Amino acid sequence: MSTPAPRGTLSPMSEAPAGNQQPHSAEFFNDTRDFWWNPDFLRLMGQRLGFESFTSVLDVGCGVGHWGRALAEVLPAGARLTGVDQEAQWVRGAALRAERAGLANRFTFRQGDATALPFADGTFDMATCQTVLIHLADPKAALKEMMRVTKPGGLVLAVEPCNMASMGVFSSVTDTFPTDVVAATLAFHLTLQRGKRALGKGFNSLGDLVPGLMAELGARDIRVYMSDRATPMFPPYDQPHQRAELAQFKDWHAREHWVWDRATTMQYYLAGGGAEQNFVYLWQQAGRQMAAEIAAMEAGTYHCGNPHITYLVSGRTG
C-alpha cells in the first residue's frame, strides 16, 4: 500500500537510495507500515477470495513480514506461510518478528529471487506479494513465476499501488498553492517515476497495469479490488498511525531525504528526461513543502484525508 506522504514530496513506495548500501525498502520498514490495513477489510477479502481453503501460502518479496502477519489474521489457523526475499537481512528480520508474534510454528522464510522462485511447480494454494512488483524491471516475469508455483486453480494475489495518484491529493497547506507550482510538482513526480522505470528499477504506479499483465499471462477469474484504508492527518495527531507518520516525516526532513536522497533523485530525474538546470528548484521546492507541512502539524493546523489507490488484483491459475 502507498504510505501517506506530505503532498508535493516524493512518492514513498520506493527502494532504498541507489548510492546507499542498505537493502531494498530499508526506508519503509518502519512503524507506519503497521497501519496499512483495516482488519475487517482483509476479512472481507478472505471471504471473497476463498482464503478458508488455503493451507499453504507464499509471500513473495516478504521484507520483514508485514503482509504475511496481516494475512495471518484472516488465513485458517492451520495455514502455513513461506516468505521469500532476496535480502538475507530481511529474511532474518521476518523470522524474528514472526517469532515475537507467536507465528514461528507456521511461518518460515528463505532467500530467493521473485523472478526465479526456488520452488517446484504447483507448490502453494496461494502466491501473493505486497508492493513488490513496483520495484522490478520485469514484473510480468515475477507474476509468471508466482503462477508457476501456485497449484492449478490456486490464487495469485498482487497488492500494488498507483503512487502517482497520491501526488494529486491536497492538504491544508498545498490546496492554495499556485497552479504552476502544483503542475510543476506533478510533472516532477512523473518524471522521477519514468526515470526510475527507464533505469530498470521498477514503476511506482504499476498497480494500474497489473490486471492486464495477469490477463496476458492467462490468469482466469481476474478480480480487482481497492483497499478501503485512508490514513487521515488532523489535529491533535494523537492516533498511532499519525504519530508514526509525523515521526517519519521529521526524520526524512532532518536528513534532507525527500524520500530518495538527492543523488538518487537527480539520477531518476535525468533518466526521465528532466533538465539538470531545473532540478535544483524542484528539489528545494520538495523540501520547502515538507517543511511547511511539518510546521503546520506542529502548529496544529495541518489536515489531509490521505487516500491511497492500492489495488488487490487476483487471478486463478490453470
C-alpha atoms as a PDB file:
ATOM      1  CA  MET A   1       0.000   0.000   0.000  1.00  0.00           C
ATOM      2  CA  SER A   2       1.050   3.502  -0.665  1.00  0.00           C
ATOM      3  CA  THR A   3       2.026   5.200   2.586  1.00  0.00           C
ATOM      4  CA  PRO A   4       0.898   8.783   3.233  1.00  0.00           C
ATOM      5  CA  ALA A   5       3.362  11.450   2.183  1.00  0.00           C
ATOM      6  CA  PRO A   6       3.296  15.209   2.513  1.00  0.00           C
ATOM      7  CA  ARG A   7       1.769  16.494  -0.702  1.00  0.00           C
ATOM      8  CA  GLY A   8       4.469  17.500  -3.120  1.00  0.00           C
ATOM      9  CA  THR A   9       7.180  15.349  -1.588  1.00  0.00           C
ATOM     10  CA  LEU A  10       8.394  12.217  -3.299  1.00  0.00           C
ATOM     11  CA  SER A  11       6.392   9.036  -3.591  1.00  0.00           C
ATOM     12  CA  PRO A  12       7.045   6.839  -0.547  1.00  0.00           C
ATOM     13  CA  MET A  13       6.861   3.448  -2.202  1.00  0.00           C
ATOM     14  CA  SER A  14      10.418   3.269  -3.472  1.00  0.00           C
ATOM     15  CA  GLU A  15      13.578   1.340  -2.845  1.00  0.00           C
ATOM     16  CA  ALA A  16      16.485   2.469  -0.715  1.00  0.00           C
ATOM     17  CA  PRO A  17      18.725   5.141  -2.248  1.00  0.00           C
ATOM     18  CA  ALA A  18      20.776   3.924  -5.205  1.00  0.00           C
ATOM     19  CA  GLY A  19      24.038   5.057  -3.637  1.00  0.00           C
ATOM     20  CA  ASN A  20      23.211   3.531  -0.258  1.00  0.00           C
ATOM     21  CA  GLN A  21      24.240   0.039   0.808  1.00  0.00           C
ATOM     22  CA  GLN A  22      21.012  -0.590   2.710  1.00  0.00           C
ATOM     23  CA  PRO A  23      18.827  -3.464   1.473  1.00  0.00           C
ATOM     24  CA  HIS A  24      15.816  -2.639  -0.662  1.00  0.00           C
ATOM     25  CA  SER A  25      12.968  -0.738   1.049  1.00  0.00           C
ATOM     26  CA  ALA A  26      15.076  -0.011   4.129  1.00  0.00           C
ATOM     27  CA  GLU A  27      13.430   3.419   4.461  1.00  0.00           C
ATOM     28  CA  PHE A  28       9.946   1.913   4.580  1.00  0.00           C
ATOM     29  CA  PHE A  29      10.004  -0.986   7.010  1.00  0.00           C
ATOM     30  CA  ASN A  30       9.065   1.320   9.869  1.00  0.00           C
ATOM     31  CA  ASP A  31       6.104   1.815  12.189  1.00  0.00           C
ATOM     32  CA  THR A  32       3.888   3.398   9.502  1.00  0.00           C
ATOM     33  CA  ARG A  33       3.676   0.040   7.727  1.00  0.00           C
ATOM     34  CA  ASP A  34       1.774  -1.442  10.657  1.00  0.00           C
ATOM     35  CA  PHE A  35      -1.245   0.718   9.792  1.00  0.00           C
ATOM     36  CA  TRP A  36      -1.795  -0.168   6.143  1.00  0.00           C
ATOM     37  CA  TRP A  37      -4.868  -2.386   6.535  1.00  0.00           C
ATOM     38  CA  ASN A  38      -8.271  -2.367   8.147  1.00  0.00           C
ATOM     39  CA  PRO A  39      -8.651  -5.877   9.613  1.00  0.00           C
ATOM     40  CA  ASP A  40     -12.332  -6.131   8.696  1.00  0.00           C
ATOM     41  CA  PHE A  41     -11.481  -5.309   5.078  1.00  0.00           C
ATOM     42  CA  LEU A  42      -8.938  -8.135   4.968  1.00  0.00           C
ATOM     43  CA  ARG A  43     -11.549 -10.484   6.421  1.00  0.00           C
ATOM     44  CA  LEU A  44     -13.906  -9.443   3.632  1.00  0.00           C
ATOM     45  CA  MET A  45     -11.205 -10.102   1.029  1.00  0.00           C
ATOM     46  CA  GLY A  46     -10.602 -13.504   2.578  1.00  0.00           C
ATOM     47  CA  GLN A  47     -14.285 -14.340   2.250  1.00  0.00           C
ATOM     48  CA  ARG A  48     -14.494 -13.124  -1.336  1.00  0.00           C
ATOM     49  CA  LEU A  49     -11.346 -14.930  -2.456  1.00  0.00           C
ATOM     50  CA  GLY A  50     -11.795 -18.170  -0.556  1.00  0.00           C
ATOM     51  CA  PHE A  51      -8.943 -17.993   1.929  1.00  0.00           C
ATOM     52  CA  GLU A  52     -10.704 -20.579   4.105  1.00  0.00           C
ATOM     53  CA  SER A  53      -9.453 -23.395   1.840  1.00  0.00           C
ATOM     54  CA  PHE A  54      -5.781 -22.382   1.841  1.00  0.00           C
ATOM     55  CA  THR A  55      -3.218 -24.425   3.736  1.00  0.00           C
ATOM     56  CA  SER A  56      -0.024 -23.172   2.018  1.00  0.00           C
ATOM     57  CA  VAL A  57       0.775 -19.571   1.122  1.00  0.00           C
ATOM     58  CA  LEU A  58       3.838 -17.961  -0.465  1.00  0.00           C
ATOM     59  CA  ASP A  59       4.667 -14.309   0.321  1.00  0.00           C
ATOM     60  CA  VAL A  60       6.986 -13.069  -2.443  1.00  0.00           C
ATOM     61  CA  GLY A  61       9.319 -10.196  -1.569  1.00  0.00           C
ATOM     62  CA  CYS A  62       8.222 -10.582   2.038  1.00  0.00           C
ATOM     63  CA  GLY A  63      10.558  -7.972   3.515  1.00  0.00           C
ATOM     64  CA  VAL A  64      10.315  -8.239   7.281  1.00  0.00           C
ATOM     65  CA  GLY A  65       6.918  -9.902   7.035  1.00  0.00           C
ATOM     66  CA  HIS A  66       4.337  -7.135   7.426  1.00  0.00           C
ATOM     67  CA  TRP A  67       1.995  -8.532   4.762  1.00  0.00           C
ATOM     68  CA  GLY A  68       2.284 -12.102   5.977  1.00  0.00           C
ATOM     69  CA  ARG A  69       1.481 -11.134   9.550  1.00  0.00           C
ATOM     70  CA  ALA A  70      -1.562  -9.191   8.353  1.00  0.00           C
ATOM     71  CA  LEU A  71      -2.733 -12.245   6.400  1.00  0.00           C
ATOM     72  CA  ALA A  72      -2.210 -14.469   9.440  1.00  0.00           C
ATOM     73  CA  GLU A  73      -5.270 -12.842  10.983  1.00  0.00           C
ATOM     74  CA  VAL A  74      -7.532 -13.963   8.111  1.00  0.00           C
ATOM     75  CA  LEU A  75      -5.995 -17.261   6.992  1.00  0.00           C
ATOM     76  CA  PRO A  76      -7.066 -20.582   8.549  1.00  0.00           C
ATOM     77  CA  ALA A  77      -5.333 -21.339  11.831  1.00  0.00           C
ATOM     78  CA  GLY A  78      -3.518 -24.283  10.288  1.00  0.00           C
ATOM     79  CA  ALA A  79      -2.297 -22.482   7.176  1.00  0.00           C
ATOM     80  CA  ARG A  80       1.468 -22.285   6.753  1.00  0.00           C
ATOM     81  CA  LEU A  81       3.171 -19.318   5.129  1.00  0.00           C
ATOM     82  CA  THR A  82       6.547 -19.255   3.405  1.00  0.00           C
ATOM     83  CA  GLY A  83       8.168 -15.878   2.862  1.00  0.00           C
ATOM     84  CA  VAL A  84      10.896 -15.327   0.300  1.00  0.00           C
ATOM     85  CA  ASP A  85      13.072 -12.249  -0.145  1.00  0.00           C
ATOM     86  CA  GLN A  86      16.326 -11.501  -1.920  1.00  0.00           C
ATOM     87  CA  GLU A  87      17.823  -9.832   1.157  1.00  0.00           C
ATOM     88  CA  ALA A  88      19.255 -12.006   3.917  1.00  0.00           C
ATOM     89  CA  GLN A  89      18.739  -9.167   6.411  1.00  0.00           C
ATOM     90  CA  TRP A  90      15.010  -9.099   5.767  1.00  0.00           C
ATOM     91  CA  VAL A  91      14.738 -12.885   5.956  1.00  0.00           C
ATOM     92  CA  ARG A  92      16.306 -12.804   9.416  1.00  0.00           C
ATOM     93  CA  GLY A  93      14.125  -9.867  10.460  1.00  0.00           C
ATOM     94  CA  ALA A  94      10.948 -11.537   9.225  1.00  0.00           C
ATOM     95  CA  ALA A  95      11.722 -14.712  11.166  1.00  0.00           C
ATOM     96  CA  LEU A  96      12.401 -12.728  14.340  1.00  0.00           C
ATOM     97  CA  ARG A  97       9.176 -10.739  14.045  1.00  0.00           C
ATOM     98  CA  ALA A  98       7.166 -13.872  13.335  1.00  0.00           C
ATOM     99  CA  GLU A  99       8.593 -15.453  16.475  1.00  0.00           C
ATOM    100  CA  ARG A 100       7.672 -12.382  18.523  1.00  0.00           C
ATOM    101  CA  ALA A 101       4.134 -12.563  17.102  1.00  0.00           C
ATOM    102  CA  GLY A 102       3.786 -16.219  18.067  1.00  0.00           C
ATOM    103  CA  LEU A 103       3.846 -17.378  14.443  1.00  0.00           C
ATOM    104  CA  ALA A 104       7.160 -19.222  14.310  1.00  0.00           C
ATOM    105  CA  ASN A 105       5.426 -22.610  14.106  1.00  0.00           C
ATOM    106  CA  ARG A 106       3.507 -21.534  10.986  1.00  0.00           C
ATOM    107  CA  PHE A 107       5.891 -19.162   9.191  1.00  0.00           C
ATOM    108  CA  THR A 108       9.215 -19.915   7.510  1.00  0.00           C
ATOM    109  CA  PHE A 109      11.451 -17.606   5.478  1.00  0.00           C
ATOM    110  CA  ARG A 110      14.232 -18.044   2.953  1.00  0.00           C
ATOM    111  CA  GLN A 111      16.202 -16.092   0.389  1.00  0.00           C
ATOM    112  CA  GLY A 112      15.103 -16.132  -3.223  1.00  0.00           C
ATOM    113  CA  ASP A 113      14.550 -14.125  -6.386  1.00  0.00           C
ATOM    114  CA  ALA A 114      10.995 -13.111  -7.296  1.00  0.00           C
ATOM    115  CA  THR A 115      11.721 -13.806 -10.967  1.00  0.00           C
ATOM    116  CA  ALA A 116      13.236 -17.264 -10.281  1.00  0.00           C
ATOM    117  CA  LEU A 117      11.392 -18.640  -7.272  1.00  0.00           C
ATOM    118  CA  PRO A 118      13.134 -21.607  -5.599  1.00  0.00           C
ATOM    119  CA  PHE A 119      10.046 -23.830  -5.511  1.00  0.00           C
ATOM    120  CA  ALA A 120       8.602 -26.593  -7.637  1.00  0.00           C
ATOM    121  CA  ASP A 121       5.585 -26.105  -9.889  1.00  0.00           C
ATOM    122  CA  GLY A 122       2.235 -26.175  -8.115  1.00  0.00           C
ATOM    123  CA  THR A 123       3.564 -25.947  -4.554  1.00  0.00           C
ATOM    124  CA  PHE A 124       1.215 -23.392  -2.969  1.00  0.00           C
ATOM    125  CA  ASP A 125      -2.518 -22.733  -2.675  1.00  0.00           C
ATOM    126  CA  MET A 126      -1.818 -19.002  -2.974  1.00  0.00           C
ATOM    127  CA  ALA A 127       1.141 -16.886  -4.036  1.00  0.00           C
ATOM    128  CA  THR A 128       0.935 -13.242  -3.054  1.00  0.00           C
ATOM    129  CA  CYS A 129       3.023 -10.073  -2.894  1.00  0.00           C
ATOM    130  CA  GLN A 130       2.663  -6.576  -1.495  1.00  0.00           C
ATOM    131  CA  THR A 131       4.366  -3.567  -3.126  1.00  0.00           C
ATOM    132  CA  VAL A 132       6.964  -5.799  -4.758  1.00  0.00           C
ATOM    133  CA  LEU A 133       6.191  -5.643  -8.475  1.00  0.00           C
ATOM    134  CA  ILE A 134       6.661  -1.859  -8.430  1.00  0.00           C
ATOM    135  CA  HIS A 135      10.368  -2.442  -7.740  1.00  0.00           C
ATOM    136  CA  LEU A 136      11.052  -4.899 -10.545  1.00  0.00           C
ATOM    137  CA  ALA A 137      12.385  -4.289 -14.034  1.00  0.00           C
ATOM    138  CA  ASP A 138      10.263  -7.226 -15.253  1.00  0.00           C
ATOM    139  CA  PRO A 139       7.145  -7.511 -13.078  1.00  0.00           C
ATOM    140  CA  LYS A 140       5.496  -9.791 -15.610  1.00  0.00           C
ATOM    141  CA  ALA A 141       8.270 -12.349 -15.093  1.00  0.00           C
ATOM    142  CA  ALA A 142       7.592 -12.309 -11.337  1.00  0.00           C
ATOM    143  CA  LEU A 143       3.857 -12.797 -11.878  1.00  0.00           C
ATOM    144  CA  LYS A 144       4.603 -15.688 -14.223  1.00  0.00           C
ATOM    145  CA  GLU A 145       6.744 -17.300 -11.526  1.00  0.00           C
ATOM    146  CA  MET A 146       4.020 -16.779  -8.939  1.00  0.00           C
ATOM    147  CA  MET A 147       1.562 -18.507 -11.243  1.00  0.00           C
ATOM    148  CA  ARG A 148       4.015 -21.358 -11.856  1.00  0.00           C
ATOM    149  CA  VAL A 149       4.456 -22.211  -8.173  1.00  0.00           C
ATOM    150  CA  THR A 150       0.699 -21.991  -7.472  1.00  0.00           C
ATOM    151  CA  LYS A 151      -1.411 -25.136  -7.691  1.00  0.00           C
ATOM    152  CA  PRO A 152      -3.867 -25.450 -10.610  1.00  0.00           C
ATOM    153  CA  GLY A 153      -6.944 -23.487  -9.627  1.00  0.00           C
ATOM    154  CA  GLY A 154      -4.997 -21.689  -6.919  1.00  0.00           C
ATOM    155  CA  LEU A 155      -4.883 -17.957  -6.329  1.00  0.00           C
ATOM    156  CA  VAL A 156      -2.298 -15.348  -7.263  1.00  0.00           C
ATOM    157  CA  LEU A 157      -2.864 -12.098  -5.359  1.00  0.00           C
ATOM    158  CA  ALA A 158      -0.814  -8.971  -6.106  1.00  0.00           C
ATOM    159  CA  VAL A 159      -1.174  -5.864  -3.940  1.00  0.00           C
ATOM    160  CA  GLU A 160       0.296  -2.871  -5.765  1.00  0.00           C
ATOM    161  CA  PRO A 161      -0.323   0.903  -5.708  1.00  0.00           C
ATOM    162  CA  CYS A 162      -0.699   3.753  -8.128  1.00  0.00           C
ATOM    163  CA  ASN A 163       1.543   6.168  -6.280  1.00  0.00           C
ATOM    164  CA  MET A 164       1.197   8.887  -8.885  1.00  0.00           C
ATOM    165  CA  ALA A 165      -2.428   9.338  -7.853  1.00  0.00           C
ATOM    166  CA  SER A 166      -1.373  10.203  -4.297  1.00  0.00           C
ATOM    167  CA  MET A 167       0.645  13.110  -5.621  1.00  0.00           C
ATOM    168  CA  GLY A 168      -2.564  14.838  -6.712  1.00  0.00           C
ATOM    169  CA  VAL A 169      -4.078  14.880  -3.210  1.00  0.00           C
ATOM    170  CA  PHE A 170      -4.224  18.244  -1.485  1.00  0.00           C
ATOM    171  CA  SER A 171      -3.529  19.079   2.129  1.00  0.00           C
ATOM    172  CA  SER A 172      -4.476  22.196   4.088  1.00  0.00           C
ATOM    173  CA  VAL A 173      -1.031  23.535   3.169  1.00  0.00           C
ATOM    174  CA  THR A 174      -0.986  22.768  -0.551  1.00  0.00           C
ATOM    175  CA  ASP A 175      -4.604  23.440  -1.516  1.00  0.00           C
ATOM    176  CA  THR A 176      -3.849  27.125  -2.138  1.00  0.00           C
ATOM    177  CA  PHE A 177      -0.546  26.641  -3.943  1.00  0.00           C
ATOM    178  CA  PRO A 178      -0.390  28.415  -7.313  1.00  0.00           C
ATOM    179  CA  THR A 179      -1.422  26.327 -10.292  1.00  0.00           C
ATOM    180  CA  ASP A 180       2.034  26.463 -11.828  1.00  0.00           C
ATOM    181  CA  VAL A 181       3.650  25.149  -8.621  1.00  0.00           C
ATOM    182  CA  VAL A 182       1.169  22.265  -8.411  1.00  0.00           C
ATOM    183  CA  ALA A 183       1.667  21.443 -12.093  1.00  0.00           C
ATOM    184  CA  ALA A 184       5.455  21.553 -11.763  1.00  0.00           C
ATOM    185  CA  THR A 185       5.331  19.264  -8.725  1.00  0.00           C
ATOM    186  CA  LEU A 186       3.171  16.707 -10.537  1.00  0.00           C
ATOM    187  CA  ALA A 187       5.452  16.838 -13.572  1.00  0.00           C
ATOM    188  CA  PHE A 188       8.461  16.349 -11.298  1.00  0.00           C
ATOM    189  CA  HIS A 189       6.968  13.183  -9.780  1.00  0.00           C
ATOM    190  CA  LEU A 190       6.008  11.771 -13.153  1.00  0.00           C
ATOM    191  CA  THR A 191       9.490  12.419 -14.497  1.00  0.00           C
ATOM    192  CA  LEU A 192      11.019  10.676 -11.475  1.00  0.00           C
ATOM    193  CA  GLN A 193       8.760   7.651 -11.856  1.00  0.00           C
ATOM    194  CA  ARG A 194       9.546   7.351 -15.550  1.00  0.00           C
ATOM    195  CA  GLY A 195      13.250   7.804 -14.913  1.00  0.00           C
ATOM    196  CA  LYS A 196      13.255   5.098 -12.263  1.00  0.00           C
ATOM    197  CA  ARG A 197      11.492   2.809 -14.708  1.00  0.00           C
ATOM    198  CA  ALA A 198      13.918   3.672 -17.528  1.00  0.00           C
ATOM    199  CA  LEU A 199      16.793   2.631 -15.264  1.00  0.00           C
ATOM    200  CA  GLY A 200      15.217  -0.784 -14.716  1.00  0.00           C
ATOM    201  CA  LYS A 201      14.289  -0.122 -11.102  1.00  0.00           C
ATOM    202  CA  GLY A 202      10.540  -0.563 -11.437  1.00  0.00           C
ATOM    203  CA  PHE A 203       7.452   1.610 -11.895  1.00  0.00           C
ATOM    204  CA  ASN A 204       5.896   3.128  -8.792  1.00  0.00           C
ATOM    205  CA  SER A 205       2.395   3.236 -10.290  1.00  0.00           C
ATOM    206  CA  LEU A 206       2.370  -0.300 -11.685  1.00  0.00           C
ATOM    207  CA  GLY A 207      -0.831  -1.176  -9.832  1.00  0.00           C
ATOM    208  CA  ASP A 208      -2.816   0.304 -12.720  1.00  0.00           C
ATOM    209  CA  LEU A 209      -1.304  -2.279 -15.078  1.00  0.00           C
ATOM    210  CA  VAL A 210      -1.360  -5.469 -13.023  1.00  0.00           C
ATOM    211  CA  PRO A 211      -4.817  -6.713 -14.168  1.00  0.00           C
ATOM    212  CA  GLY A 212      -3.693  -6.523 -17.786  1.00  0.00           C
ATOM    213  CA  LEU A 213      -0.431  -8.312 -17.035  1.00  0.00           C
ATOM    214  CA  MET A 214      -2.343 -11.143 -15.375  1.00  0.00           C
ATOM    215  CA  ALA A 215      -4.654 -11.386 -18.377  1.00  0.00           C
ATOM    216  CA  GLU A 216      -1.667 -11.588 -20.729  1.00  0.00           C
ATOM    217  CA  LEU A 217      -0.307 -14.482 -18.666  1.00  0.00           C
ATOM    218  CA  GLY A 218      -3.553 -16.411 -18.963  1.00  0.00           C
ATOM    219  CA  ALA A 219      -4.925 -15.998 -15.449  1.00  0.00           C
ATOM    220  CA  ARG A 220      -8.643 -16.602 -15.165  1.00  0.00           C
ATOM    221  CA  ASP A 221     -11.327 -15.156 -12.901  1.00  0.00           C
ATOM    222  CA  ILE A 222      -9.350 -11.921 -12.553  1.00  0.00           C
ATOM    223  CA  ARG A 223     -10.751  -9.691  -9.849  1.00  0.00           C
ATOM    224  CA  VAL A 224      -9.734  -6.163  -8.902  1.00  0.00           C
ATOM    225  CA  TYR A 225     -10.454  -4.550  -5.552  1.00  0.00           C
ATOM    226  CA  MET A 226      -9.121  -1.460  -3.794  1.00  0.00           C
ATOM    227  CA  SER A 227      -8.093  -1.083  -0.186  1.00  0.00           C
ATOM    228  CA  ASP A 228     -10.525   0.981   1.861  1.00  0.00           C
ATOM    229  CA  ARG A 229      -7.756   2.293   4.102  1.00  0.00           C
ATOM    230  CA  ALA A 230      -7.047   6.013   4.260  1.00  0.00           C
ATOM    231  CA  THR A 231      -4.614   7.461   6.806  1.00  0.00           C
ATOM    232  CA  PRO A 232      -6.023  10.898   7.585  1.00  0.00           C
ATOM    233  CA  MET A 233      -3.981  13.526   9.384  1.00  0.00           C
ATOM    234  CA  PHE A 234      -5.789  16.042  11.572  1.00  0.00           C
ATOM    235  CA  PRO A 235      -5.203  17.642  14.987  1.00  0.00           C
ATOM    236  CA  PRO A 236      -4.261  16.648  17.604  1.00  0.00           C
ATOM    237  CA  TYR A 237      -2.396  13.888  15.670  1.00  0.00           C
ATOM    238  CA  ASP A 238      -2.701  11.529  18.626  1.00  0.00           C
ATOM    239  CA  GLN A 239      -3.682   8.372  16.757  1.00  0.00           C
ATOM    240  CA  PRO A 240      -0.926   5.753  16.487  1.00  0.00           C
ATOM    241  CA  HIS A 241      -0.644   5.991  12.705  1.00  0.00           C
ATOM    242  CA  GLN A 242      -0.474   9.783  12.898  1.00  0.00           C
ATOM    243  CA  ARG A 243       2.340   9.742  15.441  1.00  0.00           C
ATOM    244  CA  ALA A 244       4.267   7.243  13.316  1.00  0.00           C
ATOM    245  CA  GLU A 245       3.838   9.306  10.150  1.00  0.00           C
ATOM    246  CA  LEU A 246       4.876  12.554  11.814  1.00  0.00           C
ATOM    247  CA  ALA A 247       7.989  10.866  13.184  1.00  0.00           C
ATOM    248  CA  GLN A 248       8.835   9.559   9.720  1.00  0.00           C
ATOM    249  CA  PHE A 249       8.379  12.951   8.071  1.00  0.00           C
ATOM    250  CA  LYS A 250      10.587  14.651  10.663  1.00  0.00           C
ATOM    251  CA  ASP A 251      13.298  12.039  10.208  1.00  0.00           C
ATOM    252  CA  TRP A 252      13.284  12.390   6.415  1.00  0.00           C
ATOM    253  CA  HIS A 253      13.315  16.170   6.603  1.00  0.00           C
ATOM    254  CA  ALA A 254      16.204  16.226   9.059  1.00  0.00           C
ATOM    255  CA  ARG A 255      18.228  14.117   6.633  1.00  0.00           C
ATOM    256  CA  GLU A 256      17.088  16.010   3.500  1.00  0.00           C
ATOM    257  CA  HIS A 257      15.658  12.751   2.277  1.00  0.00           C
ATOM    258  CA  TRP A 258      12.576  13.682   0.249  1.00  0.00           C
ATOM    259  CA  VAL A 259      12.091  10.005   0.265  1.00  0.00           C
ATOM    260  CA  TRP A 260      15.067   9.462  -2.035  1.00  0.00           C
ATOM    261  CA  ASP A 261      18.369  11.155  -1.347  1.00  0.00           C
ATOM    262  CA  ARG A 262      19.437  13.999  -3.623  1.00  0.00           C
ATOM    263  CA  ALA A 263      21.820  11.961  -5.779  1.00  0.00           C
ATOM    264  CA  THR A 264      19.258   9.238  -6.429  1.00  0.00           C
ATOM    265  CA  THR A 265      16.526  11.758  -7.151  1.00  0.00           C
ATOM    266  CA  MET A 266      18.687  13.568  -9.686  1.00  0.00           C
ATOM    267  CA  GLN A 267      19.591  10.258 -11.296  1.00  0.00           C
ATOM    268  CA  TYR A 268      15.919   9.397 -11.768  1.00  0.00           C
ATOM    269  CA  TYR A 269      15.048  12.910 -12.912  1.00  0.00           C
ATOM    270  CA  LEU A 270      17.683  12.983 -15.638  1.00  0.00           C
ATOM    271  CA  ALA A 271      16.835   9.444 -16.744  1.00  0.00           C
ATOM    272  CA  GLY A 272      13.201  10.511 -17.037  1.00  0.00           C
ATOM    273  CA  GLY A 273      14.080  13.350 -19.399  1.00  0.00           C
ATOM    274  CA  GLY A 274      14.339  16.172 -16.889  1.00  0.00           C
ATOM    275  CA  ALA A 275      16.741  19.058 -17.458  1.00  0.00           C
ATOM    276  CA  GLU A 276      19.577  19.411 -14.952  1.00  0.00           C
ATOM    277  CA  GLN A 277      19.116  23.179 -14.738  1.00  0.00           C
ATOM    278  CA  ASN A 278      15.562  22.666 -13.415  1.00  0.00           C
ATOM    279  CA  PHE A 279      16.454  20.125 -10.772  1.00  0.00           C
ATOM    280  CA  VAL A 280      17.712  22.427  -8.008  1.00  0.00           C
ATOM    281  CA  TYR A 281      14.475  24.428  -7.881  1.00  0.00           C
ATOM    282  CA  LEU A 282      12.303  21.291  -7.865  1.00  0.00           C
ATOM    283  CA  TRP A 283      14.407  19.604  -5.190  1.00  0.00           C
ATOM    284  CA  GLN A 284      14.287  22.686  -2.992  1.00  0.00           C
ATOM    285  CA  GLN A 285      10.550  23.061  -3.543  1.00  0.00           C
ATOM    286  CA  ALA A 286      10.006  19.484  -2.336  1.00  0.00           C
ATOM    287  CA  GLY A 287      11.945  20.337   0.832  1.00  0.00           C
ATOM    288  CA  ARG A 288      10.046  23.584   1.369  1.00  0.00           C
ATOM    289  CA  GLN A 289       6.753  21.784   1.063  1.00  0.00           C
ATOM    290  CA  MET A 290       7.703  19.103   3.557  1.00  0.00           C
ATOM    291  CA  ALA A 291       8.972  21.771   5.961  1.00  0.00           C
ATOM    292  CA  ALA A 292       5.739  23.750   5.632  1.00  0.00           C
ATOM    293  CA  GLU A 293       3.593  20.709   6.299  1.00  0.00           C
ATOM    294  CA  ILE A 294       5.633  19.647   9.319  1.00  0.00           C
ATOM    295  CA  ALA A 295       5.411  23.201  10.679  1.00  0.00           C
ATOM    296  CA  ALA A 296       1.635  23.125  10.199  1.00  0.00           C
ATOM    297  CA  MET A 297       1.419  19.825  12.070  1.00  0.00           C
ATOM    298  CA  GLU A 298       3.436  21.262  14.946  1.00  0.00           C
ATOM    299  CA  ALA A 299       1.132  24.289  14.966  1.00  0.00           C
ATOM    300  CA  GLY A 300      -1.925  22.044  14.975  1.00  0.00           C
ATOM    301  CA  THR A 301      -3.312  23.401  11.692  1.00  0.00           C
ATOM    302  CA  TYR A 302      -2.459  20.651   9.212  1.00  0.00           C
ATOM    303  CA  HIS A 303      -5.082  18.285   7.856  1.00  0.00           C
ATOM    304  CA  CYS A 304      -5.382  15.912   4.918  1.00  0.00           C
ATOM    305  CA  GLY A 305      -7.631  12.954   4.119  1.00  0.00           C
ATOM    306  CA  ASN A 306      -4.675  10.965   2.724  1.00  0.00           C
ATOM    307  CA  PRO A 307      -6.443   8.463   0.462  1.00  0.00           C
ATOM    308  CA  HIS A 308      -4.361   5.939  -1.442  1.00  0.00           C
ATOM    309  CA  ILE A 309      -5.015   3.883  -4.546  1.00  0.00           C
ATOM    310  CA  THR A 310      -3.901   0.398  -3.599  1.00  0.00           C
ATOM    311  CA  TYR A 311      -5.144  -2.442  -5.766  1.00  0.00           C
ATOM    312  CA  LEU A 312      -5.678  -6.036  -4.761  1.00  0.00           C
ATOM    313  CA  VAL A 313      -5.569  -7.947  -8.034  1.00  0.00           C
ATOM    314  CA  SER A 314      -6.263 -11.667  -8.018  1.00  0.00           C
ATOM    315  CA  GLY A 315      -6.364 -14.368 -10.653  1.00  0.00           C
ATOM    316  CA  ARG A 316      -6.735 -18.131 -10.756  1.00  0.00           C
ATOM    317  CA  THR A 317      -4.226 -20.478 -12.336  1.00  0.00           C
ATOM    318  CA  GLY A 318      -4.881 -23.473 -14.579  1.00  0.00           C
END
